[in-house]
Structures are given as C-alpha cells and as structure tokens.
PDB file of N, CA and C in Angstrom:
ATOM      1  N   MET A   1       0.848  -1.184   0.000  1.00  0.00           N
ATOM      2  CA  MET A   1       0.000   0.000   0.000  1.00  0.00           C
ATOM      3  C   MET A   1       0.892   1.245   0.000  1.00  0.00           C
ATOM      4  N   HIS A   2       0.600   2.171  -0.837  1.00  0.00           N
ATOM      5  CA  HIS A   2       1.375   3.407  -0.961  1.00  0.00           C
ATOM      6  C   HIS A   2       0.872   4.432   0.053  1.00  0.00           C
ATOM      7  N   ASP A   3       1.785   5.103   0.737  1.00  0.00           N
ATOM      8  CA  ASP A   3       1.418   6.126   1.720  1.00  0.00           C
ATOM      9  C   ASP A   3       1.076   7.415   0.987  1.00  0.00           C
ATOM     10  N   GLU A   4      -0.170   7.843   1.081  1.00  0.00           N
ATOM     11  CA  GLU A   4      -0.657   9.007   0.347  1.00  0.00           C
ATOM     12  C   GLU A   4      -0.558  10.308   1.147  1.00  0.00           C
ATOM     13  N   ARG A   5       0.026  10.269   2.351  1.00  0.00           N
ATOM     14  CA  ARG A   5       0.093  11.482   3.162  1.00  0.00           C
ATOM     15  C   ARG A   5       0.956  12.543   2.491  1.00  0.00           C
ATOM     16  N   ILE A   6       0.578  13.787   2.686  1.00  0.00           N
ATOM     17  CA  ILE A   6       1.337  14.912   2.143  1.00  0.00           C
ATOM     18  C   ILE A   6       2.121  15.547   3.277  1.00  0.00           C
ATOM     19  N   TYR A   7       3.417  15.703   3.087  1.00  0.00           N
ATOM     20  CA  TYR A   7       4.272  16.321   4.091  1.00  0.00           C
ATOM     21  C   TYR A   7       4.691  17.697   3.589  1.00  0.00           C
ATOM     22  N   ASN A   8       4.643  18.681   4.467  1.00  0.00           N
ATOM     23  CA  ASN A   8       5.114  20.012   4.107  1.00  0.00           C
ATOM     24  C   ASN A   8       5.994  20.538   5.229  1.00  0.00           C
ATOM     25  N   LYS A   9       6.556  21.711   5.051  1.00  0.00           N
ATOM     26  CA  LYS A   9       7.496  22.251   6.035  1.00  0.00           C
ATOM     27  C   LYS A   9       6.869  22.442   7.401  1.00  0.00           C
ATOM     28  N   GLU A  10       5.567  22.747   7.476  1.00  0.00           N
ATOM     29  CA  GLU A  10       4.920  22.960   8.767  1.00  0.00           C
ATOM     30  C   GLU A  10       4.803  21.662   9.551  1.00  0.00           C
ATOM     31  N   ASN A  11       4.709  20.526   8.861  1.00  0.00           N
ATOM     32  CA  ASN A  11       4.506  19.248   9.529  1.00  0.00           C
ATOM     33  C   ASN A  11       5.755  18.384   9.602  1.00  0.00           C
ATOM     34  N   MET A  12       6.821  18.772   8.969  1.00  0.00           N
ATOM     35  CA  MET A  12       8.026  17.965   8.920  1.00  0.00           C
ATOM     36  C   MET A  12       8.932  18.304  10.095  1.00  0.00           C
ATOM     37  N   TRP A  13       9.469  17.291  10.707  1.00  0.00           N
ATOM     38  CA  TRP A  13      10.399  17.450  11.829  1.00  0.00           C
ATOM     39  C   TRP A  13      11.679  16.705  11.513  1.00  0.00           C
ATOM     40  N   TYR A  14      12.803  17.300  11.871  1.00  0.00           N
ATOM     41  CA  TYR A  14      14.095  16.635  11.806  1.00  0.00           C
ATOM     42  C   TYR A  14      14.666  16.694  13.210  1.00  0.00           C
ATOM     43  N   LEU A  15      14.892  15.546  13.813  1.00  0.00           N
ATOM     44  CA  LEU A  15      15.364  15.500  15.189  1.00  0.00           C
ATOM     45  C   LEU A  15      16.807  15.021  15.224  1.00  0.00           C
ATOM     46  N   ASP A  16      17.611  15.691  16.000  1.00  0.00           N
ATOM     47  CA  ASP A  16      19.003  15.318  16.212  1.00  0.00           C
ATOM     48  C   ASP A  16      19.140  14.994  17.693  1.00  0.00           C
ATOM     49  N   ASN A  17      19.234  13.731  18.017  1.00  0.00           N
ATOM     50  CA  ASN A  17      19.295  13.338  19.422  1.00  0.00           C
ATOM     51  C   ASN A  17      20.583  13.758  20.112  1.00  0.00           C
ATOM     52  N   ALA A  18      21.569  14.189  19.361  1.00  0.00           N
ATOM     53  CA  ALA A  18      22.814  14.645  19.958  1.00  0.00           C
ATOM     54  C   ALA A  18      22.783  16.145  20.251  1.00  0.00           C
ATOM     55  N   THR A  19      21.695  16.795  19.923  1.00  0.00           N
ATOM     56  CA  THR A  19      21.605  18.233  20.102  1.00  0.00           C
ATOM     57  C   THR A  19      21.431  18.605  21.564  1.00  0.00           C
ATOM     58  N   SER A  20      21.785  19.816  21.905  1.00  0.00           N
ATOM     59  CA  SER A  20      21.630  20.322  23.275  1.00  0.00           C
ATOM     60  C   SER A  20      20.232  20.856  23.509  1.00  0.00           C
ATOM     61  N   ASN A  21      19.580  21.330  22.464  1.00  0.00           N
ATOM     62  CA  ASN A  21      18.280  21.981  22.594  1.00  0.00           C
ATOM     63  C   ASN A  21      17.332  21.521  21.507  1.00  0.00           C
ATOM     64  N   HIS A  22      16.057  21.364  21.873  1.00  0.00           N
ATOM     65  CA  HIS A  22      14.996  21.135  20.903  1.00  0.00           C
ATOM     66  C   HIS A  22      14.204  22.428  20.830  1.00  0.00           C
ATOM     67  N   ILE A  23      13.919  22.894  19.614  1.00  0.00           N
ATOM     68  CA  ILE A  23      13.297  24.199  19.422  1.00  0.00           C
ATOM     69  C   ILE A  23      12.116  24.051  18.471  1.00  0.00           C
ATOM     70  N   CYS A  24      11.013  24.721  18.808  1.00  0.00           N
ATOM     71  CA  CYS A  24       9.840  24.741  17.937  1.00  0.00           C
ATOM     72  C   CYS A  24       9.367  26.183  17.805  1.00  0.00           C
ATOM     73  N   GLY A  25       9.121  26.629  16.608  1.00  0.00           N
ATOM     74  CA  GLY A  25       8.675  27.990  16.377  1.00  0.00           C
ATOM     75  C   GLY A  25       7.168  28.167  16.353  1.00  0.00           C
ATOM     76  N   ASP A  26       6.409  27.083  16.574  1.00  0.00           N
ATOM     77  CA  ASP A  26       4.950  27.149  16.510  1.00  0.00           C
ATOM     78  C   ASP A  26       4.371  26.954  17.905  1.00  0.00           C
ATOM     79  N   LYS A  27       3.914  28.038  18.519  1.00  0.00           N
ATOM     80  CA  LYS A  27       3.380  28.012  19.883  1.00  0.00           C
ATOM     81  C   LYS A  27       2.205  27.047  20.018  1.00  0.00           C
ATOM     82  N   ASP A  28       1.417  26.878  18.964  1.00  0.00           N
ATOM     83  CA  ASP A  28       0.244  26.011  19.000  1.00  0.00           C
ATOM     84  C   ASP A  28       0.592  24.525  19.147  1.00  0.00           C
ATOM     85  N   LYS A  29       1.818  24.145  18.876  1.00  0.00           N
ATOM     86  CA  LYS A  29       2.227  22.745  18.976  1.00  0.00           C
ATOM     87  C   LYS A  29       2.487  22.310  20.422  1.00  0.00           C
ATOM     88  N   PHE A  30       2.634  23.260  21.344  1.00  0.00           N
ATOM     89  CA  PHE A  30       2.949  22.932  22.732  1.00  0.00           C
ATOM     90  C   PHE A  30       1.709  22.448  23.474  1.00  0.00           C
ATOM     91  N   MET A  31       1.854  21.347  24.216  1.00  0.00           N
ATOM     92  CA  MET A  31       0.787  20.850  25.083  1.00  0.00           C
ATOM     93  C   MET A  31       0.573  21.843  26.223  1.00  0.00           C
ATOM     94  N   GLU A  32       1.648  22.331  26.767  1.00  0.00           N
ATOM     95  CA  GLU A  32       1.696  23.384  27.783  1.00  0.00           C
ATOM     96  C   GLU A  32       2.929  24.205  27.456  1.00  0.00           C
ATOM     97  N   LEU A  33       2.987  25.419  27.967  1.00  0.00           N
ATOM     98  CA  LEU A  33       4.152  26.255  27.727  1.00  0.00           C
ATOM     99  C   LEU A  33       4.400  27.125  28.943  1.00  0.00           C
ATOM    100  N   ASP A  34       5.572  26.978  29.555  1.00  0.00           N
ATOM    101  CA  ASP A  34       5.966  27.810  30.682  1.00  0.00           C
ATOM    102  C   ASP A  34       6.650  29.045  30.107  1.00  0.00           C
ATOM    103  N   GLU A  35       5.891  30.128  29.969  1.00  0.00           N
ATOM    104  CA  GLU A  35       6.411  31.343  29.337  1.00  0.00           C
ATOM    105  C   GLU A  35       7.315  32.152  30.269  1.00  0.00           C
ATOM    106  N   ALA A  36       7.489  31.694  31.511  1.00  0.00           N
ATOM    107  CA  ALA A  36       8.424  32.352  32.424  1.00  0.00           C
ATOM    108  C   ALA A  36       9.874  32.012  32.075  1.00  0.00           C
ATOM    109  N   ILE A  37      10.066  30.937  31.309  1.00  0.00           N
ATOM    110  CA  ILE A  37      11.410  30.542  30.871  1.00  0.00           C
ATOM    111  C   ILE A  37      11.803  31.450  29.717  1.00  0.00           C
ATOM    112  N   ARG A  38      12.862  32.198  29.897  1.00  0.00           N
ATOM    113  CA  ARG A  38      13.363  33.132  28.866  1.00  0.00           C
ATOM    114  C   ARG A  38      14.864  32.943  28.708  1.00  0.00           C
ATOM    115  N   GLY A  39      15.389  33.334  27.587  1.00  0.00           N
ATOM    116  CA  GLY A  39      16.827  33.256  27.354  1.00  0.00           C
ATOM    117  C   GLY A  39      17.141  33.294  25.881  1.00  0.00           C
ATOM    118  N   ASN A  40      18.305  32.781  25.522  1.00  0.00           N
ATOM    119  CA  ASN A  40      18.766  32.728  24.146  1.00  0.00           C
ATOM    120  C   ASN A  40      19.305  31.340  23.842  1.00  0.00           C
ATOM    121  N   VAL A  41      19.188  30.934  22.596  1.00  0.00           N
ATOM    122  CA  VAL A  41      19.834  29.722  22.103  1.00  0.00           C
ATOM    123  C   VAL A  41      20.829  30.168  21.049  1.00  0.00           C
ATOM    124  N   THR A  42      22.065  29.705  21.177  1.00  0.00           N
ATOM    125  CA  THR A  42      23.115  30.048  20.224  1.00  0.00           C
ATOM    126  C   THR A  42      23.388  28.850  19.328  1.00  0.00           C
ATOM    127  N   PHE A  43      23.378  29.075  18.022  1.00  0.00           N
ATOM    128  CA  PHE A  43      23.637  28.026  17.047  1.00  0.00           C
ATOM    129  C   PHE A  43      25.128  27.923  16.764  1.00  0.00           C
ATOM    130  N   VAL A  44      25.496  26.862  16.064  1.00  0.00           N
ATOM    131  CA  VAL A  44      26.909  26.608  15.773  1.00  0.00           C
ATOM    132  C   VAL A  44      27.541  27.751  14.966  1.00  0.00           C
ATOM    133  N   ASN A  45      26.744  28.467  14.165  1.00  0.00           N
ATOM    134  CA  ASN A  45      27.273  29.585  13.381  1.00  0.00           C
ATOM    135  C   ASN A  45      27.288  30.891  14.183  1.00  0.00           C
ATOM    136  N   HIS A  46      27.041  30.789  15.496  1.00  0.00           N
ATOM    137  CA  HIS A  46      27.048  31.901  16.446  1.00  0.00           C
ATOM    138  C   HIS A  46      25.837  32.827  16.330  1.00  0.00           C
ATOM    139  N   SER A  47      24.858  32.488  15.499  1.00  0.00           N
ATOM    140  CA  SER A  47      23.618  33.263  15.490  1.00  0.00           C
ATOM    141  C   SER A  47      22.806  32.873  16.719  1.00  0.00           C
ATOM    142  N   LYS A  48      21.928  33.766  17.158  1.00  0.00           N
ATOM    143  CA  LYS A  48      21.132  33.529  18.360  1.00  0.00           C
ATOM    144  C   LYS A  48      19.659  33.781  18.084  1.00  0.00           C
ATOM    145  N   ILE A  49      18.806  33.063  18.829  1.00  0.00           N
ATOM    146  CA  ILE A  49      17.380  33.352  18.828  1.00  0.00           C
ATOM    147  C   ILE A  49      16.932  33.486  20.276  1.00  0.00           C
ATOM    148  N   VAL A  50      15.875  34.248  20.477  1.00  0.00           N
ATOM    149  CA  VAL A  50      15.300  34.440  21.809  1.00  0.00           C
ATOM    150  C   VAL A  50      14.327  33.302  22.067  1.00  0.00           C
ATOM    151  N   ILE A  51      14.407  32.695  23.249  1.00  0.00           N
ATOM    152  CA  ILE A  51      13.416  31.696  23.618  1.00  0.00           C
ATOM    153  C   ILE A  51      12.349  32.353  24.484  1.00  0.00           C
ATOM    154  N   LYS A  52      11.113  31.929  24.297  1.00  0.00           N
ATOM    155  CA  LYS A  52       9.974  32.553  24.972  1.00  0.00           C
ATOM    156  C   LYS A  52       9.153  31.534  25.734  1.00  0.00           C
ATOM    157  N   GLY A  53       9.772  30.440  26.151  1.00  0.00           N
ATOM    158  CA  GLY A  53       9.070  29.438  26.923  1.00  0.00           C
ATOM    159  C   GLY A  53       9.690  28.073  26.730  1.00  0.00           C
ATOM    160  N   LYS A  54       9.214  27.118  27.536  1.00  0.00           N
ATOM    161  CA  LYS A  54       9.740  25.759  27.472  1.00  0.00           C
ATOM    162  C   LYS A  54       8.697  24.794  28.029  1.00  0.00           C
ATOM    163  N   HIS A  55       8.517  23.671  27.354  1.00  0.00           N
ATOM    164  CA  HIS A  55       7.699  22.572  27.873  1.00  0.00           C
ATOM    165  C   HIS A  55       7.704  21.422  26.883  1.00  0.00           C
ATOM    166  N   MET A  56       6.572  20.739  26.680  1.00  0.00           N
ATOM    167  CA  MET A  56       6.557  19.539  25.846  1.00  0.00           C
ATOM    168  C   MET A  56       5.613  19.665  24.658  1.00  0.00           C
ATOM    169  N   ILE A  57       5.947  18.862  23.639  1.00  0.00           N
ATOM    170  CA  ILE A  57       5.184  18.814  22.399  1.00  0.00           C
ATOM    171  C   ILE A  57       4.841  17.357  22.120  1.00  0.00           C
ATOM    172  N   LEU A  58       3.636  17.116  21.625  1.00  0.00           N
ATOM    173  CA  LEU A  58       3.230  15.780  21.204  1.00  0.00           C
ATOM    174  C   LEU A  58       3.329  15.727  19.687  1.00  0.00           C
ATOM    175  N   ILE A  59       4.104  14.776  19.173  1.00  0.00           N
ATOM    176  CA  ILE A  59       4.266  14.642  17.724  1.00  0.00           C
ATOM    177  C   ILE A  59       3.687  13.313  17.260  1.00  0.00           C
ATOM    178  N   GLU A  60       3.293  13.272  15.993  1.00  0.00           N
ATOM    179  CA  GLU A  60       2.834  12.027  15.377  1.00  0.00           C
ATOM    180  C   GLU A  60       3.977  11.462  14.551  1.00  0.00           C
ATOM    181  N   LEU A  61       4.284  10.193  14.757  1.00  0.00           N
ATOM    182  CA  LEU A  61       5.347   9.515  14.027  1.00  0.00           C
ATOM    183  C   LEU A  61       4.802   8.954  12.709  1.00  0.00           C
ATOM    184  N   LYS A  62       5.709   8.546  11.822  1.00  0.00           N
ATOM    185  CA  LYS A  62       5.302   8.026  10.511  1.00  0.00           C
ATOM    186  C   LYS A  62       4.328   6.858  10.612  1.00  0.00           C
ATOM    187  N   ASP A  63       4.475   6.032  11.657  1.00  0.00           N
ATOM    188  CA  ASP A  63       3.604   4.869  11.799  1.00  0.00           C
ATOM    189  C   ASP A  63       2.249   5.209  12.426  1.00  0.00           C
ATOM    190  N   GLY A  64       1.999   6.494  12.699  1.00  0.00           N
ATOM    191  CA  GLY A  64       0.735   6.938  13.262  1.00  0.00           C
ATOM    192  C   GLY A  64       0.708   6.993  14.779  1.00  0.00           C
ATOM    193  N   SER A  65       1.740   6.449  15.425  1.00  0.00           N
ATOM    194  CA  SER A  65       1.805   6.530  16.882  1.00  0.00           C
ATOM    195  C   SER A  65       2.234   7.932  17.297  1.00  0.00           C
ATOM    196  N   HIS A  66       2.157   8.221  18.586  1.00  0.00           N
ATOM    197  CA  HIS A  66       2.489   9.543  19.098  1.00  0.00           C
ATOM    198  C   HIS A  66       3.615   9.460  20.118  1.00  0.00           C
ATOM    199  N   GLN A  67       4.393  10.517  20.198  1.00  0.00           N
ATOM    200  CA  GLN A  67       5.542  10.570  21.107  1.00  0.00           C
ATOM    201  C   GLN A  67       5.661  11.979  21.668  1.00  0.00           C
ATOM    202  N   PHE A  68       5.971  12.081  22.953  1.00  0.00           N
ATOM    203  CA  PHE A  68       6.247  13.379  23.552  1.00  0.00           C
ATOM    204  C   PHE A  68       7.714  13.725  23.371  1.00  0.00           C
ATOM    205  N   ILE A  69       7.973  14.996  23.091  1.00  0.00           N
ATOM    206  CA  ILE A  69       9.331  15.534  23.129  1.00  0.00           C
ATOM    207  C   ILE A  69       9.306  16.542  24.271  1.00  0.00           C
ATOM    208  N   CYS A  70      10.150  16.319  25.265  1.00  0.00           N
ATOM    209  CA  CYS A  70      10.158  17.179  26.458  1.00  0.00           C
ATOM    210  C   CYS A  70      11.283  18.203  26.371  1.00  0.00           C
ATOM    211  N   TYR A  71      11.172  19.224  27.183  1.00  0.00           N
ATOM    212  CA  TYR A  71      12.181  20.281  27.296  1.00  0.00           C
ATOM    213  C   TYR A  71      12.405  21.008  25.974  1.00  0.00           C
ATOM    214  N   VAL A  72      11.325  21.303  25.288  1.00  0.00           N
ATOM    215  CA  VAL A  72      11.380  22.009  24.000  1.00  0.00           C
ATOM    216  C   VAL A  72      11.253  23.507  24.266  1.00  0.00           C
ATOM    217  N   TYR A  73      12.140  24.291  23.658  1.00  0.00           N
ATOM    218  CA  TYR A  73      12.060  25.758  23.741  1.00  0.00           C
ATOM    219  C   TYR A  73      11.156  26.269  22.644  1.00  0.00           C
TER     220      TYR A  73
END
C-alpha cells in the first residue's frame, strides 16, 4: 500500500538526538508552555534566537503513533 500522506514544512520534523536543545517555532504545537522561561539559544554559526518558553510537544510519528518531546524551547 502506498502512503498518500502529504508532508510540508509545517509538519516535517528533523530530530538530532545529539543536540543540546529542541526548538519549535509554533506556539500552538505545545501541550503546555511555561512562558516564564526566557533566554537565548546560540547556534553553531554563532547566530542567536530568543526563547519565549519551554515545555513539551506531542508529535505524530510516521507509523501513526504519538511521542512526547520534552524540554522544547
């Protein structure tokens, strides 16, 4: 059976388990969000972004199951 799902940039995730930080730019994806957490994340190229909260996100995997990602900025 061919998988007919359409993937776009809004729904695609690339996870690097060796990373120090998980970051999501879509506030609506958070199950909860502690907006008292503030700071900056610095990337390898020395660019920075402001973080405006931290908590967990529920994602859907390719097989249709769901997984929480915790400590997401």
